Amino acid sequence: MSQRTLVLLKPDAVRRGLVGEVIGRIERKAGWSVTALELRELDRGTLETHYAEHVGKPFYEPLVAFMLSGPVVALVVEGERVIEGVRTLAGPTDPIAAAPGSIRGDFGTIVRENLIHASDSEDSAERELKIFFPGRF
């Protein structure tokens, strides 16, 4: 079943020059395609909406501060089982637990700065795409 997902390449991925590497890994996956891409600085309001379920958790404020620390690349990726697939390609949040070959396993350094966000379900993808690409989805 063809799906659509949001992918964010976080400020650490942009700072470290990993955007091309990560997008290349996504594009090389047969049947997946990048259908929208934008480099942008996020504002606090967007991040508060995106991370609303984490308000009050100890990592919330450091996460928002990190996401405000530099530009991100927002992508829409479409293809068969792309939601599950991009999350597998990203690897677990903890780079030590992430397998070699995954983005976080190959390039991750710390849990909080973990290079990439990918929607975790069809419902999340639908909600997140409306936040980052309003009027398109």
N, C-alpha and C. Protein backbone atom coordinates (compact mmCIF):
# COMPACT_ATOMS: atom_id res chain seq x y z
N MET A 1 0.84 -1.17 0.00
CA MET A 1 0.00 0.00 0.00
C MET A 1 0.89 1.24 0.00
N SER A 2 0.66 2.13 -0.92
CA SER A 2 1.44 3.36 -1.01
C SER A 2 1.03 4.29 0.13
N GLN A 3 2.05 4.92 0.72
CA GLN A 3 1.85 5.84 1.84
C GLN A 3 2.64 7.10 1.60
N ARG A 4 2.39 8.05 2.47
CA ARG A 4 3.12 9.32 2.47
C ARG A 4 3.56 9.57 3.92
N THR A 5 4.80 10.05 4.11
CA THR A 5 5.30 10.33 5.46
C THR A 5 6.09 11.62 5.49
N LEU A 6 6.17 12.20 6.69
CA LEU A 6 7.01 13.36 6.91
C LEU A 6 8.37 12.89 7.42
N VAL A 7 9.42 13.46 6.88
CA VAL A 7 10.77 13.24 7.38
C VAL A 7 11.38 14.60 7.65
N LEU A 8 11.97 14.76 8.82
CA LEU A 8 12.72 15.97 9.15
C LEU A 8 14.18 15.60 9.35
N LEU A 9 15.05 16.27 8.63
CA LEU A 9 16.48 16.14 8.88
C LEU A 9 16.81 17.27 9.85
N LYS A 10 17.17 16.90 11.04
CA LYS A 10 17.28 17.83 12.16
C LYS A 10 18.53 18.70 12.05
N PRO A 11 18.61 19.73 12.91
CA PRO A 11 19.75 20.66 12.81
C PRO A 11 21.12 19.99 12.85
N ASP A 12 21.27 18.90 13.60
CA ASP A 12 22.58 18.25 13.63
C ASP A 12 22.92 17.61 12.28
N ALA A 13 21.94 17.06 11.59
CA ALA A 13 22.18 16.48 10.26
C ALA A 13 22.59 17.57 9.28
N VAL A 14 21.93 18.73 9.36
CA VAL A 14 22.26 19.84 8.47
C VAL A 14 23.65 20.37 8.79
N ARG A 15 23.94 20.61 10.06
CA ARG A 15 25.26 21.14 10.47
C ARG A 15 26.40 20.22 10.06
N ARG A 16 26.16 18.92 10.16
CA ARG A 16 27.22 17.94 9.89
C ARG A 16 27.34 17.57 8.41
N GLY A 17 26.52 18.19 7.56
CA GLY A 17 26.61 17.92 6.12
C GLY A 17 26.13 16.55 5.72
N LEU A 18 25.12 16.03 6.43
CA LEU A 18 24.61 14.68 6.16
C LEU A 18 23.32 14.66 5.34
N VAL A 19 22.85 15.83 4.92
CA VAL A 19 21.58 15.90 4.19
C VAL A 19 21.62 15.04 2.92
N GLY A 20 22.64 15.20 2.12
CA GLY A 20 22.74 14.43 0.87
C GLY A 20 22.82 12.94 1.12
N GLU A 21 23.58 12.54 2.13
CA GLU A 21 23.71 11.12 2.48
C GLU A 21 22.36 10.53 2.86
N VAL A 22 21.63 11.22 3.73
CA VAL A 22 20.34 10.70 4.19
C VAL A 22 19.32 10.68 3.05
N ILE A 23 19.24 11.76 2.29
CA ILE A 23 18.30 11.77 1.17
C ILE A 23 18.68 10.70 0.15
N GLY A 24 19.96 10.52 -0.08
CA GLY A 24 20.41 9.46 -0.99
C GLY A 24 19.95 8.09 -0.55
N ARG A 25 20.04 7.82 0.73
CA ARG A 25 19.58 6.52 1.24
C ARG A 25 18.09 6.35 1.01
N ILE A 26 17.32 7.41 1.20
CA ILE A 26 15.88 7.35 0.97
C ILE A 26 15.61 7.14 -0.52
N GLU A 27 16.28 7.91 -1.38
CA GLU A 27 16.02 7.81 -2.82
C GLU A 27 16.44 6.47 -3.40
N ARG A 28 17.44 5.83 -2.82
CA ARG A 28 17.89 4.54 -3.35
C ARG A 28 16.96 3.40 -3.01
N LYS A 29 16.04 3.62 -2.10
CA LYS A 29 15.09 2.58 -1.74
C LYS A 29 14.08 2.45 -2.89
N ALA A 30 14.00 1.29 -3.49
CA ALA A 30 13.13 1.07 -4.64
C ALA A 30 11.68 1.39 -4.29
N GLY A 31 11.06 2.18 -5.11
CA GLY A 31 9.65 2.49 -4.95
C GLY A 31 9.35 3.70 -4.08
N TRP A 32 10.37 4.31 -3.48
CA TRP A 32 10.16 5.51 -2.68
C TRP A 32 10.58 6.73 -3.46
N SER A 33 9.90 7.84 -3.24
CA SER A 33 10.31 9.07 -3.89
C SER A 33 10.07 10.27 -2.97
N VAL A 34 10.95 11.24 -3.09
CA VAL A 34 10.81 12.49 -2.37
C VAL A 34 9.91 13.38 -3.22
N THR A 35 8.76 13.78 -2.68
CA THR A 35 7.80 14.55 -3.47
C THR A 35 7.71 16.01 -3.02
N ALA A 36 8.36 16.35 -1.92
CA ALA A 36 8.47 17.74 -1.47
C ALA A 36 9.71 17.83 -0.59
N LEU A 37 10.39 18.97 -0.66
CA LEU A 37 11.62 19.16 0.11
C LEU A 37 11.80 20.65 0.34
N GLU A 38 12.11 21.01 1.59
CA GLU A 38 12.30 22.42 1.89
C GLU A 38 13.27 22.57 3.06
N LEU A 39 14.26 23.45 2.90
CA LEU A 39 15.15 23.85 3.98
C LEU A 39 14.50 25.01 4.68
N ARG A 40 14.35 24.91 6.01
CA ARG A 40 13.69 26.00 6.72
C ARG A 40 14.13 26.09 8.17
N GLU A 41 13.97 27.29 8.71
CA GLU A 41 14.14 27.54 10.14
C GLU A 41 12.75 27.36 10.76
N LEU A 42 12.66 26.58 11.79
CA LEU A 42 11.37 26.37 12.43
C LEU A 42 11.13 27.41 13.51
N ASP A 43 9.87 27.73 13.73
CA ASP A 43 9.53 28.66 14.81
C ASP A 43 8.96 27.85 15.98
N ARG A 44 8.96 28.48 17.14
CA ARG A 44 8.52 27.80 18.36
C ARG A 44 7.07 27.30 18.24
N GLY A 45 6.20 28.07 17.62
CA GLY A 45 4.80 27.66 17.47
C GLY A 45 4.66 26.35 16.70
N THR A 46 5.41 26.22 15.62
CA THR A 46 5.37 24.99 14.84
C THR A 46 5.85 23.82 15.68
N LEU A 47 6.92 24.03 16.41
CA LEU A 47 7.47 22.95 17.25
C LEU A 47 6.53 22.59 18.39
N GLU A 48 5.88 23.58 18.98
CA GLU A 48 4.91 23.30 20.05
C GLU A 48 3.75 22.46 19.52
N THR A 49 3.31 22.74 18.32
CA THR A 49 2.25 21.93 17.71
C THR A 49 2.75 20.52 17.41
N HIS A 50 3.93 20.43 16.82
CA HIS A 50 4.49 19.14 16.44
C HIS A 50 4.76 18.25 17.64
N TYR A 51 5.30 18.81 18.71
CA TYR A 51 5.68 18.03 19.89
C TYR A 51 4.68 18.16 21.04
N ALA A 52 3.42 18.49 20.74
CA ALA A 52 2.41 18.73 21.77
C ALA A 52 2.28 17.58 22.76
N GLU A 53 2.42 16.34 22.32
CA GLU A 53 2.23 15.20 23.23
C GLU A 53 3.37 15.08 24.26
N HIS A 54 4.44 15.83 24.05
CA HIS A 54 5.59 15.75 24.97
C HIS A 54 5.66 16.90 25.96
N VAL A 55 4.72 17.84 25.90
CA VAL A 55 4.72 18.97 26.82
C VAL A 55 4.74 18.44 28.26
N GLY A 56 5.61 19.03 29.08
CA GLY A 56 5.72 18.63 30.47
C GLY A 56 6.72 17.53 30.75
N LYS A 57 7.18 16.86 29.71
CA LYS A 57 8.19 15.81 29.90
C LYS A 57 9.56 16.47 30.05
N PRO A 58 10.48 15.83 30.77
CA PRO A 58 11.78 16.47 31.03
C PRO A 58 12.58 16.82 29.78
N PHE A 59 12.39 16.08 28.71
CA PHE A 59 13.17 16.33 27.50
C PHE A 59 12.54 17.36 26.57
N TYR A 60 11.33 17.83 26.89
CA TYR A 60 10.60 18.72 25.98
C TYR A 60 11.35 20.01 25.68
N GLU A 61 11.69 20.78 26.70
CA GLU A 61 12.36 22.07 26.46
C GLU A 61 13.71 21.90 25.78
N PRO A 62 14.57 20.95 26.22
CA PRO A 62 15.83 20.77 25.49
C PRO A 62 15.61 20.37 24.02
N LEU A 63 14.57 19.58 23.76
CA LEU A 63 14.26 19.17 22.39
C LEU A 63 13.86 20.37 21.54
N VAL A 64 12.98 21.20 22.07
CA VAL A 64 12.55 22.40 21.34
C VAL A 64 13.74 23.32 21.09
N ALA A 65 14.57 23.52 22.12
CA ALA A 65 15.77 24.37 21.96
C ALA A 65 16.69 23.81 20.88
N PHE A 66 16.88 22.52 20.87
CA PHE A 66 17.72 21.89 19.84
C PHE A 66 17.13 22.12 18.45
N MET A 67 15.83 21.92 18.31
CA MET A 67 15.19 22.07 17.00
C MET A 67 15.18 23.52 16.53
N LEU A 68 15.31 24.47 17.46
CA LEU A 68 15.41 25.88 17.10
C LEU A 68 16.84 26.31 16.81
N SER A 69 17.82 25.42 17.02
CA SER A 69 19.24 25.78 16.95
C SER A 69 19.80 25.93 15.54
N GLY A 70 19.04 25.57 14.54
CA GLY A 70 19.51 25.69 13.17
C GLY A 70 18.46 25.20 12.21
N PRO A 71 18.72 25.32 10.92
CA PRO A 71 17.74 24.90 9.92
C PRO A 71 17.53 23.39 9.91
N VAL A 72 16.37 23.01 9.44
CA VAL A 72 16.03 21.61 9.21
C VAL A 72 15.66 21.45 7.74
N VAL A 73 15.67 20.23 7.27
CA VAL A 73 15.15 19.92 5.94
C VAL A 73 13.90 19.09 6.16
N ALA A 74 12.78 19.59 5.66
CA ALA A 74 11.51 18.89 5.74
C ALA A 74 11.24 18.23 4.40
N LEU A 75 10.90 16.93 4.45
CA LEU A 75 10.66 16.17 3.23
C LEU A 75 9.32 15.44 3.31
N VAL A 76 8.71 15.26 2.19
CA VAL A 76 7.60 14.33 2.05
C VAL A 76 8.14 13.17 1.23
N VAL A 77 8.00 11.98 1.77
CA VAL A 77 8.46 10.78 1.07
C VAL A 77 7.25 9.89 0.85
N GLU A 78 7.12 9.38 -0.36
CA GLU A 78 5.99 8.53 -0.71
C GLU A 78 6.48 7.19 -1.22
N GLY A 79 5.68 6.14 -0.96
CA GLY A 79 6.00 4.82 -1.48
C GLY A 79 5.36 3.71 -0.66
N GLU A 80 5.64 2.50 -1.07
CA GLU A 80 5.11 1.32 -0.40
C GLU A 80 5.71 1.19 0.99
N ARG A 81 4.85 1.08 2.00
CA ARG A 81 5.26 0.88 3.40
C ARG A 81 6.33 1.87 3.85
N VAL A 82 6.25 3.08 3.35
CA VAL A 82 7.29 4.07 3.60
C VAL A 82 7.34 4.51 5.07
N ILE A 83 6.23 4.50 5.77
CA ILE A 83 6.24 4.92 7.17
C ILE A 83 7.10 3.97 8.00
N GLU A 84 6.80 2.71 7.93
CA GLU A 84 7.58 1.69 8.64
C GLU A 84 9.02 1.65 8.11
N GLY A 85 9.16 1.76 6.81
CA GLY A 85 10.48 1.65 6.19
C GLY A 85 11.43 2.77 6.57
N VAL A 86 10.95 4.02 6.57
CA VAL A 86 11.85 5.12 6.93
C VAL A 86 12.23 5.03 8.40
N ARG A 87 11.30 4.62 9.24
CA ARG A 87 11.65 4.46 10.67
C ARG A 87 12.70 3.37 10.86
N THR A 88 12.61 2.31 10.10
CA THR A 88 13.63 1.27 10.17
C THR A 88 14.96 1.80 9.64
N LEU A 89 14.92 2.52 8.55
CA LEU A 89 16.13 3.12 7.99
C LEU A 89 16.77 4.10 8.98
N ALA A 90 15.95 4.85 9.72
CA ALA A 90 16.47 5.79 10.72
C ALA A 90 17.13 5.06 11.88
N GLY A 91 16.53 3.97 12.33
CA GLY A 91 17.04 3.25 13.49
C GLY A 91 16.49 3.82 14.78
N PRO A 92 16.71 3.12 15.90
CA PRO A 92 16.22 3.60 17.19
C PRO A 92 16.83 4.95 17.57
N THR A 93 16.13 5.68 18.43
CA THR A 93 16.57 7.01 18.86
C THR A 93 17.97 6.97 19.48
N ASP A 94 18.26 5.95 20.25
CA ASP A 94 19.57 5.81 20.89
C ASP A 94 20.57 5.28 19.87
N PRO A 95 21.57 6.07 19.49
CA PRO A 95 22.49 5.62 18.45
C PRO A 95 23.31 4.39 18.84
N ILE A 96 23.47 4.15 20.13
CA ILE A 96 24.19 2.95 20.57
C ILE A 96 23.36 1.70 20.30
N ALA A 97 22.04 1.82 20.39
CA ALA A 97 21.15 0.70 20.13
C ALA A 97 20.84 0.53 18.64
N ALA A 98 21.17 1.53 17.83
CA ALA A 98 20.85 1.50 16.40
C ALA A 98 21.85 0.63 15.65
N ALA A 99 21.34 -0.19 14.78
CA ALA A 99 22.18 -1.12 14.03
C ALA A 99 23.04 -0.40 12.99
N PRO A 100 24.24 -0.91 12.75
CA PRO A 100 25.03 -0.39 11.63
C PRO A 100 24.19 -0.51 10.35
N GLY A 101 24.32 0.48 9.50
CA GLY A 101 23.51 0.53 8.28
C GLY A 101 22.31 1.44 8.41
N SER A 102 21.87 1.67 9.65
CA SER A 102 20.80 2.64 9.87
C SER A 102 21.43 4.03 9.96
N ILE A 103 20.64 5.05 9.76
CA ILE A 103 21.16 6.42 9.79
C ILE A 103 21.73 6.74 11.17
N ARG A 104 20.97 6.45 12.20
CA ARG A 104 21.46 6.74 13.56
C ARG A 104 22.60 5.81 13.95
N GLY A 105 22.55 4.56 13.49
CA GLY A 105 23.64 3.63 13.79
C GLY A 105 24.95 4.05 13.15
N ASP A 106 24.88 4.62 11.96
CA ASP A 106 26.09 5.03 11.25
C ASP A 106 26.57 6.42 11.64
N PHE A 107 25.65 7.33 11.98
CA PHE A 107 26.03 8.74 12.17
C PHE A 107 25.62 9.34 13.52
N GLY A 108 24.78 8.66 14.29
CA GLY A 108 24.29 9.21 15.54
C GLY A 108 25.37 9.29 16.60
N THR A 109 25.24 10.28 17.48
CA THR A 109 26.21 10.43 18.56
C THR A 109 25.54 10.46 19.93
N ILE A 110 24.44 11.21 20.09
CA ILE A 110 23.72 11.26 21.36
C ILE A 110 22.22 11.16 21.11
N VAL A 111 21.49 10.76 22.15
CA VAL A 111 20.05 10.53 22.01
C VAL A 111 19.30 11.79 21.61
N ARG A 112 19.58 12.91 22.28
CA ARG A 112 18.79 14.13 22.03
C ARG A 112 19.01 14.67 20.62
N GLU A 113 20.21 14.59 20.11
CA GLU A 113 20.50 15.07 18.75
C GLU A 113 20.62 13.85 17.86
N ASN A 114 19.47 13.43 17.32
CA ASN A 114 19.43 12.12 16.65
C ASN A 114 19.13 12.18 15.16
N LEU A 115 19.49 13.28 14.53
CA LEU A 115 19.58 13.41 13.07
C LEU A 115 18.28 13.47 12.28
N ILE A 116 17.29 12.65 12.64
CA ILE A 116 16.14 12.47 11.75
C ILE A 116 14.87 12.22 12.55
N HIS A 117 13.78 12.74 12.02
CA HIS A 117 12.44 12.42 12.53
C HIS A 117 11.68 11.79 11.37
N ALA A 118 10.90 10.76 11.68
CA ALA A 118 10.01 10.15 10.69
C ALA A 118 8.69 9.82 11.38
N SER A 119 7.60 10.13 10.74
CA SER A 119 6.28 9.85 11.31
C SER A 119 6.19 8.39 11.73
N ASP A 120 5.48 8.13 12.84
CA ASP A 120 5.43 6.77 13.37
C ASP A 120 4.17 5.99 13.01
N SER A 121 3.22 6.63 12.34
CA SER A 121 1.99 5.95 11.95
C SER A 121 1.31 6.76 10.85
N GLU A 122 0.30 6.16 10.24
CA GLU A 122 -0.45 6.89 9.22
C GLU A 122 -1.14 8.11 9.80
N ASP A 123 -1.69 7.98 11.01
CA ASP A 123 -2.35 9.11 11.66
C ASP A 123 -1.35 10.23 11.94
N SER A 124 -0.17 9.87 12.47
CA SER A 124 0.86 10.87 12.75
C SER A 124 1.33 11.53 11.46
N ALA A 125 1.52 10.74 10.42
CA ALA A 125 1.97 11.29 9.14
C ALA A 125 0.97 12.32 8.62
N GLU A 126 -0.31 11.98 8.68
CA GLU A 126 -1.34 12.91 8.21
C GLU A 126 -1.31 14.20 9.01
N ARG A 127 -1.23 14.09 10.34
CA ARG A 127 -1.20 15.28 11.20
C ARG A 127 0.06 16.10 10.96
N GLU A 128 1.22 15.46 10.89
CA GLU A 128 2.49 16.15 10.74
C GLU A 128 2.65 16.80 9.37
N LEU A 129 2.17 16.16 8.34
CA LEU A 129 2.24 16.75 7.00
C LEU A 129 1.45 18.05 6.94
N LYS A 130 0.33 18.11 7.64
CA LYS A 130 -0.47 19.33 7.67
C LYS A 130 0.25 20.45 8.42
N ILE A 131 1.07 20.09 9.40
CA ILE A 131 1.84 21.09 10.16
C ILE A 131 2.95 21.68 9.30
N PHE A 132 3.69 20.80 8.62
CA PHE A 132 4.90 21.24 7.92
C PHE A 132 4.66 21.62 6.46
N PHE A 133 3.58 21.13 5.88
CA PHE A 133 3.24 21.48 4.50
C PHE A 133 1.77 21.86 4.43
N PRO A 134 1.37 22.92 5.15
CA PRO A 134 -0.05 23.30 5.20
C PRO A 134 -0.59 23.64 3.82
N GLY A 135 -1.82 23.24 3.60
CA GLY A 135 -2.47 23.52 2.33
C GLY A 135 -2.15 22.53 1.23
N ARG A 136 -1.16 21.67 1.46
CA ARG A 136 -0.80 20.67 0.44
C ARG A 136 -1.39 19.31 0.74
N PHE A 137 -1.67 19.06 2.01
CA PHE A 137 -2.16 17.73 2.40
C PHE A 137 -3.36 17.84 3.31
